[in-house]
PDB file of N, CA and C in Angstrom:
ATOM      1  N   MET A   1     207.174  96.249 188.578  1.00  0.00           N
ATOM      2  CA  MET A   1     207.253  96.284 187.134  1.00  0.00           C
ATOM      3  C   MET A   1     205.988  97.201 186.251  1.00  0.00           C
ATOM      4  N   GLU A   2     206.558  97.379 184.924  1.00  0.00           N
ATOM      5  CA  GLU A   2     205.327  98.218 184.264  1.00  0.00           C
ATOM      6  C   GLU A   2     205.734  98.339 183.140  1.00  0.00           C
ATOM      7  N   ALA A   3     204.749  97.799 182.227  1.00  0.00           N
ATOM      8  CA  ALA A   3     205.029  98.338 180.599  1.00  0.00           C
ATOM      9  C   ALA A   3     204.140  99.468 179.968  1.00  0.00           C
ATOM     10  N   ARG A   4     204.920 100.085 179.145  1.00  0.00           N
ATOM     11  CA  ARG A   4     204.467 101.185 178.951  1.00  0.00           C
ATOM     12  C   ARG A   4     203.748 100.714 177.058  1.00  0.00           C
ATOM     13  N   ALA A   5     203.089 101.949 176.697  1.00  0.00           N
ATOM     14  CA  ALA A   5     202.559 102.001 175.280  1.00  0.00           C
ATOM     15  C   ALA A   5     202.673 103.597 175.309  1.00  0.00           C
ATOM     16  N   ILE A   6     203.343 104.551 173.523  1.00  0.00           N
ATOM     17  CA  ILE A   6     202.980 105.724 173.517  1.00  0.00           C
ATOM     18  C   ILE A   6     202.609 105.570 172.306  1.00  0.00           C
ATOM     19  N   ALA A   7     201.693 106.558 172.614  1.00  0.00           N
ATOM     20  CA  ALA A   7     200.785 106.775 171.288  1.00  0.00           C
ATOM     21  C   ALA A   7     201.252 109.032 170.903  1.00  0.00           C
ATOM     22  N   ARG A   8     202.034 108.814 169.294  1.00  0.00           N
ATOM     23  CA  ARG A   8     202.464 109.991 169.540  1.00  0.00           C
ATOM     24  C   ARG A   8     201.732 110.554 167.936  1.00  0.00           C
ATOM     25  N   TYR A   9     201.325 112.313 168.147  1.00  0.00           N
ATOM     26  CA  TYR A   9     201.404 112.922 166.926  1.00  0.00           C
ATOM     27  C   TYR A   9     199.728 112.362 166.946  1.00  0.00           C
ATOM     28  N   VAL A  10     198.738 111.994 167.819  1.00  0.00           N
ATOM     29  CA  VAL A  10     197.329 111.689 167.137  1.00  0.00           C
ATOM     30  C   VAL A  10     196.603 112.859 167.308  1.00  0.00           C
ATOM     31  N   ARG A  11     195.876 112.593 166.266  1.00  0.00           N
ATOM     32  CA  ARG A  11     194.994 114.482 165.666  1.00  0.00           C
ATOM     33  C   ARG A  11     193.632 114.048 166.844  1.00  0.00           C
ATOM     34  N   ILE A  12     193.674 114.564 167.935  1.00  0.00           N
ATOM     35  CA  ILE A  12     192.323 114.791 168.477  1.00  0.00           C
ATOM     36  C   ILE A  12     192.575 115.567 170.098  1.00  0.00           C
ATOM     37  N   ALA A  13     191.684 116.762 170.093  1.00  0.00           N
ATOM     38  CA  ALA A  13     192.470 117.858 171.425  1.00  0.00           C
ATOM     39  C   ALA A  13     192.502 116.849 173.065  1.00  0.00           C
ATOM     40  N   PRO A  14     193.327 117.267 173.641  1.00  0.00           N
ATOM     41  CA  PRO A  14     193.578 116.879 174.544  1.00  0.00           C
ATOM     42  C   PRO A  14     192.760 117.055 175.463  1.00  0.00           C
ATOM     43  N   ARG A  15     191.925 117.960 175.385  1.00  0.00           N
ATOM     44  CA  ARG A  15     191.119 117.936 176.961  1.00  0.00           C
ATOM     45  C   ARG A  15     189.770 117.150 176.017  1.00  0.00           C
ATOM     46  N   LYS A  16     189.855 116.949 174.855  1.00  0.00           N
ATOM     47  CA  LYS A  16     188.575 115.988 174.902  1.00  0.00           C
ATOM     48  C   LYS A  16     189.121 114.085 175.264  1.00  0.00           C
ATOM     49  N   ALA A  17     190.109 114.116 174.191  1.00  0.00           N
ATOM     50  CA  ALA A  17     190.486 112.614 175.234  1.00  0.00           C
ATOM     51  C   ALA A  17     190.749 112.580 176.680  1.00  0.00           C
ATOM     52  N   ARG A  18     191.433 113.780 177.555  1.00  0.00           N
ATOM     53  CA  ARG A  18     191.326 113.661 178.642  1.00  0.00           C
ATOM     54  C   ARG A  18     189.719 113.499 179.282  1.00  0.00           C
ATOM     55  N   GLN A  19     188.832 113.517 179.043  1.00  0.00           N
ATOM     56  CA  GLN A  19     187.641 113.195 179.066  1.00  0.00           C
ATOM     57  C   GLN A  19     187.426 111.385 179.528  1.00  0.00           C
ATOM     58  N   VAL A  20     187.710 111.311 178.442  1.00  0.00           N
ATOM     59  CA  VAL A  20     188.219 109.684 178.192  1.00  0.00           C
ATOM     60  C   VAL A  20     188.364 108.937 178.538  1.00  0.00           C
ATOM     61  N   VAL A  21     189.679 109.119 179.314  1.00  0.00           N
ATOM     62  CA  VAL A  21     190.917 108.531 179.973  1.00  0.00           C
ATOM     63  C   VAL A  21     190.294 108.808 181.993  1.00  0.00           C
ATOM     64  N   GLU A  22     190.057 109.780 182.396  1.00  0.00           N
ATOM     65  CA  GLU A  22     189.633 109.898 182.998  1.00  0.00           C
ATOM     66  C   GLU A  22     188.298 108.888 183.561  1.00  0.00           C
ATOM     67  N   LEU A  23     188.346 107.814 182.621  1.00  0.00           N
ATOM     68  CA  LEU A  23     187.237 106.969 183.036  1.00  0.00           C
ATOM     69  C   LEU A  23     188.130 105.318 183.345  1.00  0.00           C
ATOM     70  N   VAL A  24     188.888 105.421 182.622  1.00  0.00           N
ATOM     71  CA  VAL A  24     189.651 104.010 182.945  1.00  0.00           C
ATOM     72  C   VAL A  24     191.109 104.045 184.366  1.00  0.00           C
ATOM     73  N   LYS A  25     191.407 105.494 184.448  1.00  0.00           N
ATOM     74  CA  LYS A  25     192.221 105.293 185.622  1.00  0.00           C
ATOM     75  C   LYS A  25     192.000 105.071 186.740  1.00  0.00           C
ATOM     76  N   GLY A  26     193.076 103.495 187.268  1.00  0.00           N
ATOM     77  CA  GLY A  26     192.468 102.988 188.485  1.00  0.00           C
ATOM     78  C   GLY A  26     192.266 101.492 188.051  1.00  0.00           C
ATOM     79  N   LYS A  27     191.557 101.333 187.253  1.00  0.00           N
ATOM     80  CA  LYS A  27     191.166 100.373 186.899  1.00  0.00           C
ATOM     81  C   LYS A  27     191.786  99.371 185.957  1.00  0.00           C
ATOM     82  N   ASP A  28     190.822  98.431 186.266  1.00  0.00           N
ATOM     83  CA  ASP A  28     191.817  96.774 185.819  1.00  0.00           C
ATOM     84  C   ASP A  28     192.031  96.480 184.473  1.00  0.00           C
ATOM     85  N   ALA A  29     192.721  96.442 183.126  1.00  0.00           N
ATOM     86  CA  ALA A  29     193.248  97.155 182.480  1.00  0.00           C
ATOM     87  C   ALA A  29     192.416  95.823 181.221  1.00  0.00           C
ATOM     88  N   GLN A  30     191.155  94.376 181.725  1.00  0.00           N
ATOM     89  CA  GLN A  30     190.236  93.995 181.066  1.00  0.00           C
ATOM     90  C   GLN A  30     189.072  95.060 181.012  1.00  0.00           C
ATOM     91  N   GLU A  31     188.999  95.604 182.454  1.00  0.00           N
ATOM     92  CA  GLU A  31     187.233  96.493 183.309  1.00  0.00           C
ATOM     93  C   GLU A  31     187.509  97.334 181.437  1.00  0.00           C
ATOM     94  N   ALA A  32     188.808  98.161 181.768  1.00  0.00           N
ATOM     95  CA  ALA A  32     189.099  99.366 181.247  1.00  0.00           C
ATOM     96  C   ALA A  32     188.953  99.222 179.798  1.00  0.00           C
ATOM     97  N   LEU A  33     189.367  98.177 179.296  1.00  0.00           N
ATOM     98  CA  LEU A  33     188.744  97.561 177.432  1.00  0.00           C
ATOM     99  C   LEU A  33     187.909  97.268 177.559  1.00  0.00           C
ATOM    100  N   ALA A  34     187.046  96.981 178.662  1.00  0.00           N
ATOM    101  CA  ALA A  34     185.561  96.973 178.468  1.00  0.00           C
ATOM    102  C   ALA A  34     184.877  98.397 178.357  1.00  0.00           C
ATOM    103  N   ILE A  35     185.369  99.304 179.027  1.00  0.00           N
ATOM    104  CA  ILE A  35     184.740 100.589 179.439  1.00  0.00           C
ATOM    105  C   ILE A  35     184.326 101.464 177.902  1.00  0.00           C
ATOM    106  N   LEU A  36     185.773 101.339 177.513  1.00  0.00           N
ATOM    107  CA  LEU A  36     186.393 101.769 176.247  1.00  0.00           C
ATOM    108  C   LEU A  36     185.421 101.239 174.881  1.00  0.00           C
ATOM    109  N   GLY A  37     185.363 100.204 175.448  1.00  0.00           N
ATOM    110  CA  GLY A  37     184.352  99.558 174.432  1.00  0.00           C
ATOM    111  C   GLY A  37     182.879  99.957 173.863  1.00  0.00           C
ATOM    112  N   HIS A  38     182.815 100.518 174.933  1.00  0.00           N
ATOM    113  CA  HIS A  38     181.407 100.532 175.234  1.00  0.00           C
ATOM    114  C   HIS A  38     181.112 102.497 175.446  1.00  0.00           C
ATOM    115  N   THR A  39     181.968 102.899 175.188  1.00  0.00           N
ATOM    116  CA  THR A  39     181.989 104.232 175.532  1.00  0.00           C
ATOM    117  C   THR A  39     181.668 104.998 173.872  1.00  0.00           C
ATOM    118  N   ARG A  40     181.470 105.874 173.839  1.00  0.00           N
ATOM    119  CA  ARG A  40     180.928 106.312 172.431  1.00  0.00           C
ATOM    120  C   ARG A  40     181.652 107.712 172.225  1.00  0.00           C
ATOM    121  N   LYS A  41     182.682 108.045 172.312  1.00  0.00           N
ATOM    122  CA  LYS A  41     184.022 108.802 171.662  1.00  0.00           C
ATOM    123  C   LYS A  41     184.654 108.747 170.694  1.00  0.00           C
ATOM    124  N   ARG A  42     185.294 109.448 170.322  1.00  0.00           N
ATOM    125  CA  ARG A  42     186.387 109.658 169.203  1.00  0.00           C
ATOM    126  C   ARG A  42     187.955 108.816 170.106  1.00  0.00           C
ATOM    127  N   GLY A  43     187.746 109.735 171.342  1.00  0.00           N
ATOM    128  CA  GLY A  43     188.911 109.435 172.705  1.00  0.00           C
ATOM    129  C   GLY A  43     188.869 107.965 172.677  1.00  0.00           C
ATOM    130  N   ALA A  44     187.555 107.017 173.023  1.00  0.00           N
ATOM    131  CA  ALA A  44     187.638 105.826 173.886  1.00  0.00           C
ATOM    132  C   ALA A  44     188.608 105.301 172.660  1.00  0.00           C
ATOM    133  N   GLU A  45     188.007 105.208 170.956  1.00  0.00           N
ATOM    134  CA  GLU A  45     189.042 104.515 169.910  1.00  0.00           C
ATOM    135  C   GLU A  45     190.394 104.705 170.333  1.00  0.00           C
ATOM    136  N   LEU A  46     191.132 105.402 170.050  1.00  0.00           N
ATOM    137  CA  LEU A  46     192.579 105.656 170.174  1.00  0.00           C
ATOM    138  C   LEU A  46     192.615 105.102 171.939  1.00  0.00           C
ATOM    139  N   VAL A  47     192.357 106.066 172.501  1.00  0.00           N
ATOM    140  CA  VAL A  47     192.784 104.873 173.734  1.00  0.00           C
ATOM    141  C   VAL A  47     192.618 103.574 174.256  1.00  0.00           C
ATOM    142  N   SER A  48     191.694 103.049 173.916  1.00  0.00           N
ATOM    143  CA  SER A  48     191.605 101.558 173.544  1.00  0.00           C
ATOM    144  C   SER A  48     193.017 101.174 172.703  1.00  0.00           C
ATOM    145  N   LYS A  49     193.126 101.622 171.847  1.00  0.00           N
ATOM    146  CA  LYS A  49     194.458 100.906 171.018  1.00  0.00           C
ATOM    147  C   LYS A  49     195.790 100.886 171.543  1.00  0.00           C
ATOM    148  N   VAL A  50     195.810 102.009 172.729  1.00  0.00           N
ATOM    149  CA  VAL A  50     197.472 102.609 173.039  1.00  0.00           C
ATOM    150  C   VAL A  50     197.171 101.226 174.541  1.00  0.00           C
ATOM    151  N   LEU A  51     195.853 100.985 174.862  1.00  0.00           N
ATOM    152  CA  LEU A  51     195.635 100.014 176.300  1.00  0.00           C
ATOM    153  C   LEU A  51     196.328  98.413 175.728  1.00  0.00           C
ATOM    154  N   LYS A  52     195.886  98.495 174.476  1.00  0.00           N
ATOM    155  CA  LYS A  52     195.636  96.828 174.277  1.00  0.00           C
ATOM    156  C   LYS A  52     196.974  96.471 173.670  1.00  0.00           C
ATOM    157  N   SER A  53     198.583  97.952 173.600  1.00  0.00           N
ATOM    158  CA  SER A  53     199.362  97.736 172.849  1.00  0.00           C
ATOM    159  C   SER A  53     200.195  97.806 174.505  1.00  0.00           C
ATOM    160  N   ALA A  54     200.158  98.221 175.161  1.00  0.00           N
ATOM    161  CA  ALA A  54     200.771  98.437 176.493  1.00  0.00           C
ATOM    162  C   ALA A  54     200.361  97.094 177.529  1.00  0.00           C
ATOM    163  N   VAL A  55     198.988  96.360 177.205  1.00  0.00           N
ATOM    164  CA  VAL A  55     199.160  94.989 177.826  1.00  0.00           C
ATOM    165  C   VAL A  55     200.071  93.985 177.132  1.00  0.00           C
ATOM    166  N   ALA A  56     199.908  94.177 175.227  1.00  0.00           N
ATOM    167  CA  ALA A  56     200.961  93.292 175.245  1.00  0.00           C
ATOM    168  C   ALA A  56     202.025  93.063 175.297  1.00  0.00           C
ATOM    169  N   ASN A  57     202.486  94.758 175.605  1.00  0.00           N
ATOM    170  CA  ASN A  57     203.672  94.846 175.303  1.00  0.00           C
ATOM    171  C   ASN A  57     204.347  93.971 177.407  1.00  0.00           C
ATOM    172  N   ALA A  58     203.166  94.153 177.979  1.00  0.00           N
ATOM    173  CA  ALA A  58     203.453  93.358 179.293  1.00  0.00           C
ATOM    174  C   ALA A  58     203.416  92.091 179.635  1.00  0.00           C
ATOM    175  N   GLU A  59     203.005  91.871 178.422  1.00  0.00           N
ATOM    176  CA  GLU A  59     202.588  89.983 178.126  1.00  0.00           C
ATOM    177  C   GLU A  59     203.943  89.505 177.650  1.00  0.00           C
ATOM    178  N   HIS A  60     204.373  90.224 176.454  1.00  0.00           N
ATOM    179  CA  HIS A  60     206.049  89.392 175.546  1.00  0.00           C
ATOM    180  C   HIS A  60     206.964  89.968 176.461  1.00  0.00           C
ATOM    181  N   ASN A  61     207.082  91.348 177.012  1.00  0.00           N
ATOM    182  CA  ASN A  61     207.879  91.562 176.977  1.00  0.00           C
ATOM    183  C   ASN A  61     208.498  91.469 178.307  1.00  0.00           C
ATOM    184  N   LEU A  62     207.689  91.489 179.288  1.00  0.00           N
ATOM    185  CA  LEU A  62     208.416  91.164 180.719  1.00  0.00           C
ATOM    186  C   LEU A  62     207.301  89.869 181.018  1.00  0.00           C
ATOM    187  N   GLU A  63     206.336  89.409 180.663  1.00  0.00           N
ATOM    188  CA  GLU A  63     206.630  88.357 180.725  1.00  0.00           C
ATOM    189  C   GLU A  63     205.142  87.925 182.144  1.00  0.00           C
ATOM    190  N   LEU A  64     204.231  89.301 182.086  1.00  0.00           N
ATOM    191  CA  LEU A  64     203.455  89.199 183.379  1.00  0.00           C
ATOM    192  C   LEU A  64     202.071  88.862 182.392  1.00  0.00           C
ATOM    193  N   ASP A  65     200.709  88.627 183.080  1.00  0.00           N
ATOM    194  CA  ASP A  65     199.456  87.847 182.544  1.00  0.00           C
ATOM    195  C   ASP A  65     198.439  89.145 183.609  1.00  0.00           C
ATOM    196  N   LYS A  66     198.313  88.989 181.748  1.00  0.00           N
ATOM    197  CA  LYS A  66     196.764  89.835 181.614  1.00  0.00           C
ATOM    198  C   LYS A  66     196.309  90.179 182.802  1.00  0.00           C
ATOM    199  N   ASP A  67     195.081  89.186 183.523  1.00  0.00           N
ATOM    200  CA  ASP A  67     194.580  89.437 184.547  1.00  0.00           C
ATOM    201  C   ASP A  67     195.113  90.062 185.674  1.00  0.00           C
ATOM    202  N   ASP A  68     196.318  90.043 185.998  1.00  0.00           N
ATOM    203  CA  ASP A  68     197.284  91.077 186.640  1.00  0.00           C
ATOM    204  C   ASP A  68     197.339  92.668 186.683  1.00  0.00           C
ATOM    205  N   LEU A  69     197.125  93.344 185.502  1.00  0.00           N
ATOM    206  CA  LEU A  69     197.440  94.238 184.985  1.00  0.00           C
ATOM    207  C   LEU A  69     196.367  95.470 185.560  1.00  0.00           C
ATOM    208  N   TYR A  70     197.256  96.696 185.144  1.00  0.00           N
ATOM    209  CA  TYR A  70     196.153  97.351 185.983  1.00  0.00           C
ATOM    210  C   TYR A  70     196.357  98.893 185.368  1.00  0.00           C
ATOM    211  N   VAL A  71     195.750  99.939 185.209  1.00  0.00           N
ATOM    212  CA  VAL A  71     196.537 101.331 184.481  1.00  0.00           C
ATOM    213  C   VAL A  71     196.429 102.283 185.546  1.00  0.00           C
ATOM    214  N   ALA A  72     198.036 102.315 185.743  1.00  0.00           N
ATOM    215  CA  ALA A  72     198.160 102.876 186.881  1.00  0.00           C
ATOM    216  C   ALA A  72     198.536 104.532 186.622  1.00  0.00           C
ATOM    217  N   ASP A  73     199.211 104.986 185.094  1.00  0.00           N
ATOM    218  CA  ASP A  73     199.048 106.400 185.014  1.00  0.00           C
ATOM    219  C   ASP A  73     198.835 106.522 183.736  1.00  0.00           C
ATOM    220  N   VAL A  74     198.327 107.679 183.151  1.00  0.00           N
ATOM    221  CA  VAL A  74     198.179 107.469 181.529  1.00  0.00           C
ATOM    222  C   VAL A  74     197.993 109.320 181.420  1.00  0.00           C
ATOM    223  N   ARG A  75     198.154 109.933 180.632  1.00  0.00           N
ATOM    224  CA  ARG A  75     199.099 111.248 180.234  1.00  0.00           C
ATOM    225  C   ARG A  75     198.923 111.823 178.966  1.00  0.00           C
ATOM    226  N   ILE A  76     197.978 112.765 179.164  1.00  0.00           N
ATOM    227  CA  ILE A  76     197.783 113.364 177.624  1.00  0.00           C
ATOM    228  C   ILE A  76     198.008 114.591 177.839  1.00  0.00           C
ATOM    229  N   ASP A  77     199.229 114.564 176.358  1.00  0.00           N
ATOM    230  CA  ASP A  77     199.750 116.162 176.762  1.00  0.00           C
ATOM    231  C   ASP A  77     199.286 116.724 174.821  1.00  0.00           C
ATOM    232  N   GLU A  78     200.141 117.817 174.961  1.00  0.00           N
ATOM    233  CA  GLU A  78     199.349 118.763 173.637  1.00  0.00           C
ATOM    234  C   GLU A  78     200.688 118.656 172.462  1.00  0.00           C
ATOM    235  N   GLY A  79     200.056 117.998 171.166  1.00  0.00           N
ATOM    236  CA  GLY A  79     201.303 117.932 170.528  1.00  0.00           C
ATOM    237  C   GLY A  79     201.495 118.860 169.751  1.00  0.00           C
ATOM    238  N   PRO A  80     202.128 118.525 168.397  1.00  0.00           N
ATOM    239  CA  PRO A  80     202.506 120.173 167.221  1.00  0.00           C
ATOM    240  C   PRO A  80     201.500 120.342 167.228  1.00  0.00           C
ATOM    241  N   THR A  81     201.175 121.778 166.821  1.00  0.00           N
ATOM    242  CA  THR A  81     200.014 122.559 166.255  1.00  0.00           C
ATOM    243  C   THR A  81     200.371 122.095 164.375  1.00  0.00           C
ATOM    244  N   MET A  82     199.020 121.730 163.639  1.00  0.00           N
ATOM    245  CA  MET A  82     198.936 121.969 162.381  1.00  0.00           C
ATOM    246  C   MET A  82     199.247 123.557 161.782  1.00  0.00           C
ATOM    247  N   LYS A  83     200.250 123.519 160.937  1.00  0.00           N
ATOM    248  CA  LYS A  83     199.862 124.756 160.435  1.00  0.00           C
ATOM    249  C   LYS A  83     199.314 125.358 158.984  1.00  0.00           C
ATOM    250  N   ARG A  84     197.904 126.305 158.520  1.00  0.00           N
ATOM    251  CA  ARG A  84     197.832 125.969 157.207  1.00  0.00           C
ATOM    252  C   ARG A  84     197.796 127.177 157.099  1.00  0.00           C
ATOM    253  N   TRP A  85     197.439 128.030 155.766  1.00  0.00           N
ATOM    254  CA  TRP A  85     197.317 129.895 155.967  1.00  0.00           C
ATOM    255  C   TRP A  85     196.535 129.507 154.759  1.00  0.00           C
ATOM    256  N   ARG A  86     195.742 130.845 154.803  1.00  0.00           N
ATOM    257  CA  ARG A  86     194.400 131.079 154.397  1.00  0.00           C
ATOM    258  C   ARG A  86     194.701 132.511 153.684  1.00  0.00           C
ATOM    259  N   PRO A  87     194.798 132.596 152.180  1.00  0.00           N
ATOM    260  CA  PRO A  87     194.723 134.012 152.037  1.00  0.00           C
ATOM    261  C   PRO A  87     193.530 135.294 152.338  1.00  0.00           C
ATOM    262  N   ARG A  88     194.407 136.235 152.381  1.00  0.00           N
ATOM    263  CA  ARG A  88     193.444 136.552 152.789  1.00  0.00           C
ATOM    264  C   ARG A  88     193.919 138.568 152.537  1.00  0.00           C
ATOM    265  N   ARG A  89     192.924 139.963 152.192  1.00  0.00           N
ATOM    266  CA  ARG A  89     192.712 140.645 151.430  1.00  0.00           C
ATOM    267  C   ARG A  89     194.568 141.098 151.669  1.00  0.00           C
ATOM    268  N   ARG A  90     195.121 141.627 149.925  1.00  0.00           N
ATOM    269  CA  ARG A  90     195.640 142.780 149.660  1.00  0.00           C
ATOM    270  C   ARG A  90     197.066 141.199 149.967  1.00  0.00           C
ATOM    271  N   GLY A  91     196.663 140.560 149.229  1.00  0.00           N
ATOM    272  CA  GLY A  91     197.947 138.955 149.276  1.00  0.00           C
ATOM    273  C   GLY A  91     198.659 138.703 150.403  1.00  0.00           C
ATOM    274  N   MET A  92     197.490 139.150 151.517  1.00  0.00           N
ATOM    275  CA  MET A  92     198.517 138.704 152.795  1.00  0.00           C
ATOM    276  C   MET A  92     197.873 137.088 153.435  1.00  0.00           C
ATOM    277  N   PRO A  93     199.288 136.574 154.176  1.00  0.00           N
ATOM    278  CA  PRO A  93     198.187 135.415 154.218  1.00  0.00           C
ATOM    279  C   PRO A  93     197.770 135.390 155.543  1.00  0.00           C
ATOM    280  N   ALA A  94     196.600 134.964 156.191  1.00  0.00           N
ATOM    281  CA  ALA A  94     196.409 134.557 157.539  1.00  0.00           C
ATOM    282  C   ALA A  94     196.693 133.046 157.914  1.00  0.00           C
ATOM    283  N   PRO A  95     196.615 132.766 159.228  1.00  0.00           N
ATOM    284  CA  PRO A  95     197.861 131.532 159.781  1.00  0.00           C
ATOM    285  C   PRO A  95     195.725 130.967 160.412  1.00  0.00           C
ATOM    286  N   ILE A  96     195.943 129.526 159.718  1.00  0.00           N
ATOM    287  CA  ILE A  96     194.828 128.008 160.545  1.00  0.00           C
ATOM    288  C   ILE A  96     195.779 127.874 161.042  1.00  0.00           C
ATOM    289  N   LEU A  97     195.634 127.406 162.442  1.00  0.00           N
ATOM    290  CA  LEU A  97     196.032 126.352 163.396  1.00  0.00           C
ATOM    291  C   LEU A  97     194.570 125.439 163.512  1.00  0.00           C
ATOM    292  N   LYS A  98     195.218 124.002 163.594  1.00  0.00           N
ATOM    293  CA  LYS A  98     194.533 122.708 163.632  1.00  0.00           C
ATOM    294  C   LYS A  98     195.065 122.235 164.699  1.00  0.00           C
TER     295      LYS A  98
END
């Protein structure tokens, strides 16, 4: 059985989040949380929150022991781009992609 947790619309570049995820793939859940707790990157806090949610889902919904859990698969995909407009010459807008 597998427990899942999904975080959508997170404002971080996928490339930066993937650097953090590579540290915890294949590790035990408790070990992964310890590693993320000592990692000084913004993505570590976000990944830690999702991992805690997955552990809670496994305990509550599937009645699994949290000591038996491990990180099997983590996917970081690109989300929607926020679009803003900056005024330019002759009243024309130029896009800003965040």
